[in-house]
N, C-alpha and C. Protein backbone atom coordinates (compact mmCIF):
# COMPACT_ATOMS: atom_id res chain seq x y z
N MET A 1 -31.38 42.86 -56.45
CA MET A 1 -30.01 43.79 -56.02
C MET A 1 -29.19 43.22 -54.68
N LEU A 2 -28.14 43.33 -54.71
CA LEU A 2 -27.88 42.98 -53.48
C LEU A 2 -27.51 43.84 -52.46
N LEU A 3 -27.76 43.56 -50.69
CA LEU A 3 -27.73 44.72 -50.32
C LEU A 3 -26.39 44.29 -49.77
N ALA A 4 -25.59 45.69 -49.59
CA ALA A 4 -23.91 45.63 -48.79
C ALA A 4 -23.98 45.05 -47.88
N GLY A 5 -25.11 45.00 -46.86
CA GLY A 5 -25.01 44.67 -45.32
C GLY A 5 -26.60 44.07 -45.05
N ILE A 6 -26.79 43.26 -44.35
CA ILE A 6 -28.27 42.60 -43.99
C ILE A 6 -27.94 42.56 -42.67
N CYS A 7 -29.45 43.76 -41.94
CA CYS A 7 -29.34 43.88 -40.83
C CYS A 7 -30.28 42.86 -40.49
N ALA A 8 -29.59 42.21 -39.44
CA ALA A 8 -30.69 40.89 -38.80
C ALA A 8 -31.03 41.06 -37.58
N SER A 9 -32.15 40.72 -37.33
CA SER A 9 -33.01 40.96 -36.19
C SER A 9 -33.29 39.97 -36.03
N ALA A 10 -33.61 39.60 -34.01
CA ALA A 10 -33.99 38.27 -33.66
C ALA A 10 -35.35 39.07 -33.05
N VAL A 11 -36.07 38.43 -32.95
CA VAL A 11 -37.49 38.51 -32.25
C VAL A 11 -37.73 37.29 -31.31
N ALA A 12 -37.97 37.71 -30.30
CA ALA A 12 -38.37 36.90 -29.12
C ALA A 12 -38.90 37.08 -28.20
N THR A 13 -39.97 35.88 -28.02
CA THR A 13 -41.24 36.45 -26.80
C THR A 13 -41.40 35.21 -25.88
N ALA A 14 -41.46 35.43 -24.96
CA ALA A 14 -41.54 34.69 -23.85
C ALA A 14 -42.86 34.51 -22.76
N LEU A 15 -43.48 33.49 -22.87
CA LEU A 15 -44.93 33.60 -22.36
C LEU A 15 -44.63 32.86 -20.97
N PHE A 16 -45.10 33.25 -19.83
CA PHE A 16 -45.25 32.30 -18.68
C PHE A 16 -46.49 32.40 -17.70
N ALA A 17 -46.92 31.72 -17.40
CA ALA A 17 -47.63 31.11 -16.46
C ALA A 17 -47.82 31.02 -15.15
N GLY A 18 -48.24 31.63 -14.47
CA GLY A 18 -47.58 31.56 -12.86
C GLY A 18 -49.05 30.80 -12.23
N GLY A 19 -48.40 29.95 -11.33
CA GLY A 19 -49.38 29.50 -10.72
C GLY A 19 -49.03 29.09 -9.09
N PRO A 20 -49.83 28.60 -8.05
CA PRO A 20 -49.23 28.71 -7.06
C PRO A 20 -47.32 28.47 -6.54
N GLY A 21 -47.41 27.03 -7.45
CA GLY A 21 -46.03 26.37 -7.88
C GLY A 21 -45.05 27.45 -7.99
N GLY A 22 -45.36 28.66 -8.80
CA GLY A 22 -44.46 29.37 -9.50
C GLY A 22 -44.81 29.15 -10.98
N VAL A 23 -43.76 29.25 -11.72
CA VAL A 23 -43.73 29.38 -13.68
C VAL A 23 -44.17 27.38 -13.79
N GLU A 24 -45.16 27.70 -14.50
CA GLU A 24 -45.28 26.41 -14.82
C GLU A 24 -45.02 26.29 -16.53
N GLY A 25 -44.91 27.57 -17.06
CA GLY A 25 -44.85 26.76 -19.07
C GLY A 25 -44.05 27.65 -19.20
N HIS A 26 -43.63 27.73 -20.44
CA HIS A 26 -42.61 28.42 -21.43
C HIS A 26 -42.47 28.15 -22.78
N SER A 27 -42.74 29.40 -23.17
CA SER A 27 -42.58 29.12 -24.94
C SER A 27 -41.80 30.59 -25.10
N VAL A 28 -40.66 30.25 -26.04
CA VAL A 28 -40.17 30.92 -26.84
C VAL A 28 -40.47 30.73 -28.21
N ARG A 29 -40.25 32.25 -28.97
CA ARG A 29 -39.63 32.12 -30.82
C ARG A 29 -38.84 33.11 -30.98
N ALA A 30 -37.79 32.67 -31.58
CA ALA A 30 -36.76 33.91 -31.98
C ALA A 30 -36.80 33.01 -33.42
N GLU A 31 -35.89 34.56 -34.46
CA GLU A 31 -35.91 34.44 -35.47
C GLU A 31 -34.46 35.40 -36.08
N ALA A 32 -34.31 35.02 -37.02
CA ALA A 32 -33.10 36.08 -37.50
C ALA A 32 -32.74 35.63 -39.16
N ARG A 33 -31.74 36.73 -39.62
CA ARG A 33 -31.06 36.25 -40.72
C ARG A 33 -29.62 36.67 -40.21
N PHE A 34 -29.00 35.35 -41.10
CA PHE A 34 -27.75 35.32 -40.70
C PHE A 34 -26.70 36.18 -41.16
N ASP A 35 -25.59 36.64 -40.30
CA ASP A 35 -24.72 37.74 -40.64
C ASP A 35 -23.20 37.57 -40.29
N LEU A 36 -22.24 38.29 -40.61
CA LEU A 36 -20.89 37.93 -40.54
C LEU A 36 -20.62 38.19 -38.87
N PRO A 37 -19.38 37.56 -38.52
CA PRO A 37 -19.15 37.64 -37.13
C PRO A 37 -19.12 39.23 -36.81
N GLY A 38 -18.31 39.99 -37.49
CA GLY A 38 -18.43 41.50 -37.53
C GLY A 38 -19.75 42.40 -36.76
N ALA A 39 -20.71 41.38 -37.38
CA ALA A 39 -21.59 41.95 -36.87
C ALA A 39 -22.55 41.42 -35.19
N ALA A 40 -21.86 41.20 -34.61
CA ALA A 40 -22.10 40.63 -33.39
C ALA A 40 -22.58 41.35 -32.44
N ASP A 41 -22.68 42.67 -32.73
CA ASP A 41 -23.44 43.63 -32.04
C ASP A 41 -24.61 44.23 -32.32
N ARG A 42 -25.24 43.63 -33.61
CA ARG A 42 -26.35 43.76 -33.84
C ARG A 42 -27.08 42.44 -34.53
N SER A 43 -26.64 41.35 -34.52
CA SER A 43 -27.05 40.28 -35.10
C SER A 43 -27.14 39.04 -34.11
N ALA A 44 -28.45 38.33 -33.78
CA ALA A 44 -28.04 37.44 -32.77
C ALA A 44 -27.74 36.00 -33.72
N ALA A 45 -27.76 35.95 -35.37
CA ALA A 45 -27.49 34.73 -36.25
C ALA A 45 -25.86 35.37 -37.08
N LEU A 46 -24.65 34.50 -36.65
CA LEU A 46 -23.70 34.79 -37.11
C LEU A 46 -23.75 33.34 -37.92
N THR A 47 -22.95 33.73 -39.24
CA THR A 47 -22.67 32.61 -39.95
C THR A 47 -20.78 33.09 -40.02
N TYR A 48 -19.85 31.51 -40.03
CA TYR A 48 -18.72 31.36 -40.01
C TYR A 48 -18.15 30.84 -41.13
N ASP A 49 -19.31 29.70 -41.85
CA ASP A 49 -18.71 29.40 -43.07
C ASP A 49 -20.11 29.62 -44.29
N ARG A 50 -19.71 31.05 -44.89
CA ARG A 50 -20.62 31.42 -46.15
C ARG A 50 -21.18 30.28 -46.83
N SER A 51 -20.21 29.47 -46.93
CA SER A 51 -20.83 28.29 -48.16
C SER A 51 -21.90 27.44 -48.01
N LEU A 52 -21.76 27.11 -46.48
CA LEU A 52 -22.96 26.49 -45.83
C LEU A 52 -24.18 27.18 -45.39
N VAL A 53 -23.83 28.40 -44.50
CA VAL A 53 -24.68 29.25 -44.42
C VAL A 53 -24.88 30.39 -44.85
N PRO A 54 -25.09 30.70 -46.17
CA PRO A 54 -24.64 32.12 -46.38
C PRO A 54 -25.51 33.48 -45.92
N GLU A 55 -24.81 34.63 -46.00
CA GLU A 55 -25.43 35.43 -45.31
C GLU A 55 -26.57 35.88 -45.82
N GLY A 56 -27.50 36.19 -44.57
CA GLY A 56 -29.16 36.27 -44.99
C GLY A 56 -29.76 35.30 -45.24
N SER A 57 -29.59 34.06 -45.07
CA SER A 57 -30.45 32.71 -44.84
C SER A 57 -31.11 33.03 -43.41
N TRP A 58 -32.21 32.26 -43.56
CA TRP A 58 -32.89 32.78 -42.04
C TRP A 58 -33.08 31.16 -41.13
N ILE A 59 -33.45 31.67 -40.25
CA ILE A 59 -33.69 30.64 -38.81
C ILE A 59 -34.81 31.06 -38.25
N GLU A 60 -35.32 30.40 -37.37
CA GLU A 60 -36.27 30.05 -36.75
C GLU A 60 -36.25 28.86 -35.52
N VAL A 61 -36.30 29.52 -34.09
CA VAL A 61 -36.09 28.65 -33.15
C VAL A 61 -36.91 28.62 -32.60
N ARG A 62 -38.25 27.57 -31.72
CA ARG A 62 -39.22 27.68 -30.98
C ARG A 62 -38.86 26.47 -29.93
N GLN A 63 -39.18 27.11 -28.92
CA GLN A 63 -38.98 25.91 -27.32
C GLN A 63 -40.51 25.92 -26.65
N HIS A 64 -40.72 25.51 -26.42
CA HIS A 64 -42.12 25.29 -25.60
C HIS A 64 -41.86 24.18 -24.51
N THR A 65 -42.08 24.29 -22.94
CA THR A 65 -42.11 23.51 -22.01
C THR A 65 -43.35 23.56 -21.41
N ALA A 66 -43.81 22.84 -21.79
CA ALA A 66 -45.38 22.33 -21.09
C ALA A 66 -45.31 22.65 -19.43
N PRO A 67 -46.52 23.19 -19.01
CA PRO A 67 -46.62 22.57 -17.56
C PRO A 67 -46.17 21.45 -16.84
N GLY A 68 -45.26 21.60 -16.22
CA GLY A 68 -45.12 20.31 -15.57
C GLY A 68 -44.68 18.85 -16.35
N GLY A 69 -44.28 19.17 -17.71
CA GLY A 69 -44.33 18.51 -18.76
C GLY A 69 -42.86 18.36 -19.49
N PRO A 70 -42.79 17.86 -20.63
CA PRO A 70 -41.87 18.08 -21.80
C PRO A 70 -41.71 19.09 -22.04
N THR A 71 -40.22 19.55 -22.98
CA THR A 71 -40.00 20.69 -23.61
C THR A 71 -39.51 19.96 -25.18
N THR A 72 -40.20 20.70 -25.73
CA THR A 72 -39.51 20.36 -27.47
C THR A 72 -39.24 21.81 -27.78
N VAL A 73 -38.28 21.68 -28.78
CA VAL A 73 -37.52 22.49 -29.60
C VAL A 73 -37.27 21.84 -30.95
N ARG A 74 -38.12 23.63 -31.63
CA ARG A 74 -38.10 23.19 -33.10
C ARG A 74 -37.34 23.99 -33.79
N LEU A 75 -36.62 23.73 -34.85
CA LEU A 75 -36.19 24.45 -35.82
C LEU A 75 -36.52 24.36 -36.92
N LYS A 76 -36.16 25.63 -38.05
CA LYS A 76 -36.52 25.71 -39.23
C LYS A 76 -35.92 26.66 -39.89
N VAL A 77 -35.07 26.45 -40.84
CA VAL A 77 -34.62 27.25 -41.62
C VAL A 77 -34.32 27.09 -43.26
N ALA A 78 -33.99 28.47 -43.87
CA ALA A 78 -34.21 28.64 -45.08
C ALA A 78 -32.62 29.52 -46.03
N GLY A 79 -32.38 29.07 -46.79
CA GLY A 79 -30.89 29.64 -47.63
C GLY A 79 -29.86 29.10 -47.23
N MET A 80 -30.22 27.60 -47.07
CA MET A 80 -29.08 27.14 -46.55
C MET A 80 -28.38 26.30 -48.07
N LYS A 81 -27.45 25.34 -48.04
CA LYS A 81 -26.35 24.93 -49.29
C LYS A 81 -27.39 23.54 -49.46
N PRO A 82 -28.09 23.74 -50.74
CA PRO A 82 -29.13 22.99 -50.82
C PRO A 82 -28.37 21.19 -50.83
N GLY A 83 -29.46 20.27 -50.42
CA GLY A 83 -28.91 19.08 -50.44
C GLY A 83 -27.55 18.37 -49.09
N HIS A 84 -27.27 19.79 -48.70
CA HIS A 84 -26.22 19.34 -47.66
C HIS A 84 -26.93 18.91 -46.08
N VAL A 85 -26.05 18.23 -45.43
CA VAL A 85 -26.78 17.33 -44.11
C VAL A 85 -25.82 18.10 -43.19
N TYR A 86 -26.56 18.96 -42.33
CA TYR A 86 -26.00 19.52 -40.99
C TYR A 86 -26.23 18.81 -39.72
N GLY A 87 -25.50 19.12 -38.68
CA GLY A 87 -25.67 18.79 -37.34
C GLY A 87 -25.71 19.90 -36.48
N VAL A 88 -26.98 20.24 -36.24
CA VAL A 88 -27.51 21.36 -35.06
C VAL A 88 -27.60 20.75 -33.43
N HIS A 89 -27.10 21.45 -32.76
CA HIS A 89 -27.49 21.60 -31.25
C HIS A 89 -27.28 22.47 -30.49
N VAL A 90 -28.36 22.40 -29.19
CA VAL A 90 -28.29 23.74 -28.32
C VAL A 90 -27.07 23.64 -27.36
N HIS A 91 -26.42 24.87 -27.76
CA HIS A 91 -24.99 25.12 -27.00
C HIS A 91 -25.30 25.59 -25.48
N GLN A 92 -24.19 25.99 -24.63
CA GLN A 92 -24.42 26.81 -23.78
C GLN A 92 -24.26 28.23 -23.47
N LYS A 93 -23.48 28.62 -24.18
CA LYS A 93 -23.66 30.05 -24.25
C LYS A 93 -23.67 30.93 -25.19
N PRO A 94 -24.03 32.41 -25.06
CA PRO A 94 -24.25 32.70 -26.55
C PRO A 94 -23.35 33.06 -27.61
N CYS A 95 -23.61 33.00 -28.83
CA CYS A 95 -22.49 32.98 -30.13
C CYS A 95 -21.83 34.59 -30.13
N GLY A 96 -20.87 34.10 -30.90
CA GLY A 96 -19.76 35.57 -30.89
C GLY A 96 -18.74 35.34 -31.89
N ALA A 97 -18.17 36.32 -32.34
CA ALA A 97 -17.33 36.24 -33.09
C ALA A 97 -16.48 35.20 -33.51
N ASP A 98 -16.23 34.73 -32.45
CA ASP A 98 -15.55 33.59 -32.49
C ASP A 98 -16.14 32.42 -32.02
N PRO A 99 -16.14 31.46 -33.50
CA PRO A 99 -16.84 30.13 -33.34
C PRO A 99 -17.45 29.59 -32.21
N GLU A 100 -16.12 29.51 -30.98
CA GLU A 100 -16.15 28.70 -30.00
C GLU A 100 -16.88 29.43 -28.66
N ALA A 101 -17.00 30.92 -28.90
CA ALA A 101 -18.05 31.14 -27.69
C ALA A 101 -19.38 30.70 -27.42
N ALA A 102 -19.30 30.23 -28.02
CA ALA A 102 -20.80 29.27 -27.61
C ALA A 102 -20.62 28.21 -26.79
N GLY A 103 -19.69 27.78 -26.60
CA GLY A 103 -19.23 26.86 -25.64
C GLY A 103 -19.63 25.80 -25.98
N GLY A 104 -19.57 24.42 -25.17
CA GLY A 104 -19.94 22.94 -25.35
C GLY A 104 -21.80 23.17 -25.35
N HIS A 105 -22.28 21.99 -25.93
CA HIS A 105 -23.30 21.31 -26.05
C HIS A 105 -24.09 21.08 -24.83
N TYR A 106 -25.10 21.88 -24.60
CA TYR A 106 -25.61 21.69 -23.69
C TYR A 106 -26.51 20.36 -22.99
N GLN A 107 -26.23 19.92 -22.14
CA GLN A 107 -26.39 18.73 -21.84
C GLN A 107 -27.20 18.34 -20.59
N HIS A 108 -28.25 17.42 -20.23
CA HIS A 108 -29.44 17.32 -19.14
C HIS A 108 -28.99 16.65 -18.21
N ARG A 109 -27.66 15.93 -18.07
CA ARG A 109 -27.16 15.34 -17.29
C ARG A 109 -25.20 16.02 -17.70
N PRO A 110 -24.88 16.78 -17.39
CA PRO A 110 -23.87 17.07 -17.53
C PRO A 110 -22.62 16.43 -17.31
N SER A 111 -21.70 16.20 -18.39
CA SER A 111 -20.70 15.24 -18.40
C SER A 111 -19.45 15.13 -19.14
N SER A 112 -18.45 14.71 -18.73
CA SER A 112 -17.05 14.57 -19.88
C SER A 112 -17.05 13.10 -20.51
N ASP A 113 -17.91 12.42 -19.88
CA ASP A 113 -17.72 10.84 -20.50
C ASP A 113 -18.33 10.65 -22.00
N PRO A 114 -17.78 10.76 -23.19
CA PRO A 114 -18.61 10.45 -24.91
C PRO A 114 -18.94 9.65 -24.66
N HIS A 115 -19.73 9.22 -24.08
CA HIS A 115 -21.17 8.14 -24.31
C HIS A 115 -22.06 9.09 -23.51
N HIS A 116 -22.13 10.08 -22.81
CA HIS A 116 -23.38 10.53 -22.47
C HIS A 116 -23.26 11.70 -23.75
N VAL A 117 -22.84 12.05 -25.05
CA VAL A 117 -22.95 12.55 -26.18
C VAL A 117 -24.00 11.84 -26.88
N GLY A 118 -25.42 12.49 -27.00
CA GLY A 118 -26.50 12.04 -27.89
C GLY A 118 -27.35 12.56 -28.05
N PRO A 119 -28.11 12.29 -28.48
CA PRO A 119 -29.54 12.83 -28.98
C PRO A 119 -30.57 12.83 -27.62
N ASP A 120 -29.94 11.71 -26.63
CA ASP A 120 -30.85 11.80 -25.17
C ASP A 120 -30.66 12.66 -23.89
N ASN A 121 -29.35 13.01 -24.25
CA ASN A 121 -28.96 13.88 -23.37
C ASN A 121 -28.25 15.12 -23.51
N GLU A 122 -28.66 15.47 -24.56
CA GLU A 122 -28.88 16.76 -25.65
C GLU A 122 -29.56 17.04 -26.59
N VAL A 123 -29.94 18.26 -26.64
CA VAL A 123 -30.89 18.25 -28.02
C VAL A 123 -30.34 18.68 -29.30
N TRP A 124 -30.22 17.78 -30.18
CA TRP A 124 -29.89 17.73 -31.33
C TRP A 124 -31.26 17.54 -32.52
N LEU A 125 -30.69 18.66 -33.50
CA LEU A 125 -31.52 19.24 -34.21
C LEU A 125 -31.39 18.99 -36.01
N ASP A 126 -30.42 18.09 -36.12
CA ASP A 126 -29.96 17.81 -37.46
C ASP A 126 -31.03 17.62 -38.40
N PHE A 127 -30.67 17.91 -39.65
CA PHE A 127 -31.54 18.08 -40.75
C PHE A 127 -30.72 18.36 -42.20
N THR A 128 -31.63 17.90 -43.11
CA THR A 128 -30.63 18.14 -44.56
C THR A 128 -31.70 18.70 -45.21
N ALA A 129 -30.64 19.86 -45.68
CA ALA A 129 -31.17 20.97 -46.79
C ALA A 129 -32.12 20.49 -48.09
N ASP A 130 -33.44 21.01 -48.35
CA ASP A 130 -33.64 20.51 -49.55
C ASP A 130 -33.27 21.08 -50.64
N ARG A 131 -34.06 21.07 -51.66
CA ARG A 131 -33.32 21.70 -52.87
C ARG A 131 -33.38 23.02 -52.83
N ARG A 132 -34.68 23.86 -52.28
CA ARG A 132 -34.17 25.04 -52.24
C ARG A 132 -33.43 25.57 -51.05
N GLY A 133 -32.56 24.66 -50.29
CA GLY A 133 -31.83 25.43 -48.92
C GLY A 133 -33.18 25.31 -47.49
N ALA A 134 -33.90 25.04 -47.48
CA ALA A 134 -34.83 25.07 -46.30
C ALA A 134 -35.05 23.45 -45.76
N GLY A 135 -35.21 23.69 -44.58
CA GLY A 135 -34.69 22.57 -43.63
C GLY A 135 -35.86 22.91 -42.22
N ALA A 136 -35.96 21.57 -41.57
CA ALA A 136 -36.75 21.99 -40.42
C ALA A 136 -36.60 20.83 -39.34
N ALA A 137 -36.30 20.55 -37.86
CA ALA A 137 -36.25 19.36 -37.38
C ALA A 137 -36.74 20.08 -36.03
N SER A 138 -37.06 18.62 -35.02
CA SER A 138 -37.66 18.96 -33.71
C SER A 138 -37.06 18.14 -33.00
N ALA A 139 -36.81 18.22 -31.81
CA ALA A 139 -36.58 17.31 -30.44
C ALA A 139 -37.36 17.53 -29.23
N ARG A 140 -38.10 16.28 -28.87
CA ARG A 140 -38.62 16.32 -27.45
C ARG A 140 -38.12 15.83 -26.44
N HIS A 141 -37.84 16.51 -24.70
CA HIS A 141 -37.19 15.91 -23.88
C HIS A 141 -38.15 16.08 -22.93
N ASP A 142 -37.94 15.05 -21.87
CA ASP A 142 -38.99 15.00 -20.28
C ASP A 142 -38.31 15.80 -19.46
N TRP A 143 -37.26 16.84 -20.04
CA TRP A 143 -36.65 17.79 -19.47
C TRP A 143 -36.50 18.67 -19.75
N GLY A 144 -36.14 19.91 -18.87
CA GLY A 144 -36.50 21.06 -19.35
C GLY A 144 -35.37 21.85 -19.07
N PHE A 145 -34.56 22.82 -19.63
CA PHE A 145 -33.32 23.49 -19.48
C PHE A 145 -32.61 24.46 -18.42
N ARG A 146 -31.51 23.98 -17.53
CA ARG A 146 -31.73 24.80 -15.88
C ARG A 146 -31.29 26.30 -16.40
N PRO A 147 -31.44 27.32 -15.55
CA PRO A 147 -31.69 28.33 -15.68
C PRO A 147 -30.34 28.87 -16.21
N GLY A 148 -29.90 29.85 -17.21
CA GLY A 148 -28.66 30.46 -17.59
C GLY A 148 -27.69 29.24 -17.99
N GLU A 149 -28.34 28.19 -18.86
CA GLU A 149 -27.37 27.15 -19.22
C GLU A 149 -27.42 26.59 -20.52
N ALA A 150 -28.57 27.08 -21.42
CA ALA A 150 -28.72 27.05 -22.54
C ALA A 150 -28.86 28.26 -23.28
N ALA A 151 -27.92 28.76 -24.18
CA ALA A 151 -28.29 29.95 -25.08
C ALA A 151 -28.41 30.42 -25.93
N SER A 152 -28.28 29.15 -26.86
CA SER A 152 -27.51 29.37 -28.55
C SER A 152 -27.95 28.20 -29.27
N VAL A 153 -28.10 27.96 -30.29
CA VAL A 153 -28.35 26.71 -31.37
C VAL A 153 -26.88 26.53 -32.26
N VAL A 154 -26.31 25.98 -32.54
CA VAL A 154 -25.01 25.94 -33.36
C VAL A 154 -25.14 25.04 -34.17
N ILE A 155 -25.22 25.45 -35.87
CA ILE A 155 -24.89 24.73 -36.76
C ILE A 155 -23.37 24.37 -37.11
N HIS A 156 -23.44 22.91 -37.32
CA HIS A 156 -22.59 22.07 -37.41
C HIS A 156 -22.43 21.86 -39.02
N ASP A 157 -21.40 21.69 -39.72
CA ASP A 157 -20.82 21.43 -40.79
C ASP A 157 -21.63 19.61 -41.27
N VAL A 158 -21.41 18.80 -40.08
CA VAL A 158 -21.56 17.49 -40.28
C VAL A 158 -22.39 16.86 -39.18
N PRO A 159 -23.66 15.95 -39.73
CA PRO A 159 -24.60 15.69 -38.52
C PRO A 159 -24.16 14.79 -37.60
N GLY A 160 -24.43 14.65 -36.24
CA GLY A 160 -23.73 13.66 -35.22
C GLY A 160 -23.33 14.90 -34.09
N GLY A 161 -22.78 14.59 -33.11
CA GLY A 161 -22.08 14.77 -32.06
C GLY A 161 -21.04 15.69 -32.42
N ALA A 162 -20.33 15.95 -33.44
CA ALA A 162 -19.04 16.86 -33.74
C ALA A 162 -19.08 17.89 -35.25
N GLY A 163 -18.28 18.20 -35.23
CA GLY A 163 -18.25 18.71 -36.42
C GLY A 163 -17.81 20.89 -36.37
N VAL A 164 -17.17 20.74 -37.09
CA VAL A 164 -17.16 22.60 -37.51
C VAL A 164 -18.26 23.21 -37.08
N ARG A 165 -18.31 24.59 -36.34
CA ARG A 165 -18.98 25.00 -36.24
C ARG A 165 -19.73 25.97 -37.35
N ALA A 166 -20.44 26.13 -38.23
CA ALA A 166 -20.65 26.88 -39.50
C ALA A 166 -21.55 28.16 -38.92
N ALA A 167 -22.25 28.40 -38.20
CA ALA A 167 -23.11 29.61 -37.92
C ALA A 167 -23.63 28.96 -36.21
N CYS A 168 -24.17 30.20 -35.70
CA CYS A 168 -24.59 30.15 -34.39
C CYS A 168 -25.72 31.40 -34.62
N PHE A 169 -26.83 30.61 -33.41
CA PHE A 169 -27.77 31.62 -33.16
C PHE A 169 -28.45 32.00 -31.77
N THR A 170 -28.30 33.06 -31.09
CA THR A 170 -28.42 33.46 -29.59
C THR A 170 -29.85 33.26 -29.94
N VAL A 171 -30.25 32.19 -28.60
CA VAL A 171 -31.71 32.12 -28.48
C VAL A 171 -32.06 32.53 -26.98
N PRO A 172 -32.82 32.74 -26.82
CA PRO A 172 -33.38 33.41 -25.26
C PRO A 172 -34.29 31.90 -24.89
N PHE A 173 -33.09 30.81 -24.54
CA PHE A 173 -33.99 29.49 -23.85
C PHE A 173 -34.74 29.56 -22.37
N GLY A 174 -35.62 29.15 -21.91
CA GLY A 174 -35.70 29.41 -20.67
C GLY A 174 -35.91 28.36 -20.17
N PRO A 175 -35.75 28.56 -18.73
CA PRO A 175 -35.67 27.26 -17.84
C PRO A 175 -36.81 26.82 -17.64
N VAL A 176 -37.47 25.71 -17.32
CA VAL A 176 -38.73 25.17 -16.77
C VAL A 176 -38.59 23.74 -17.05
N GLY A 177 -39.01 23.04 -16.24
CA GLY A 177 -39.21 22.30 -16.68
C GLY A 177 -40.18 20.72 -16.19
N GLY A 178 -39.82 20.13 -17.38
CA GLY A 178 -40.39 18.52 -16.59
C GLY A 178 -39.40 17.71 -15.99
N GLY A 179 -39.82 16.21 -15.88
CA GLY A 179 -38.60 15.84 -15.20
C GLY A 179 -37.42 15.56 -15.39
N ASP A 180 -36.88 14.99 -14.36
CA ASP A 180 -35.08 15.07 -14.61
C ASP A 180 -34.99 13.68 -15.36
């Protein structure tokens, strides 16, 4: 039976460990089912291209920043277009009905120089959906997110540094961090 509307929900948890120097580590886990942009008020995950990211497909994002150490971001998806190769990046702003609402890619060292667009300065989670439409990716960096500057994961129609925005998931990424 098909549901006329799919209520998406996001579950996020943040765990902080405080010490004499302040926050020492940070973990986030968020998951949701993709819904249409008109559901922006009730869904953290929005699909803009239903042929690549069908309504009801699922996403999970985990961030872990170790005390004084690296940040790892993991992505899992299900229900995507089987065999398709997707580009995925952490973006600066939350998702919205307009695909451009998420702003540009989060960059560790902000720059307008195209040479700084890449997996060393950004969080890239490109993946190929398997025959069942599932996929996974992870990225590890020696740096953490700056407060309030990383807010979503955008799924693009092609891998690499650009592409049309097929879907967006608002994630409560936390600042903390490894080295510069």
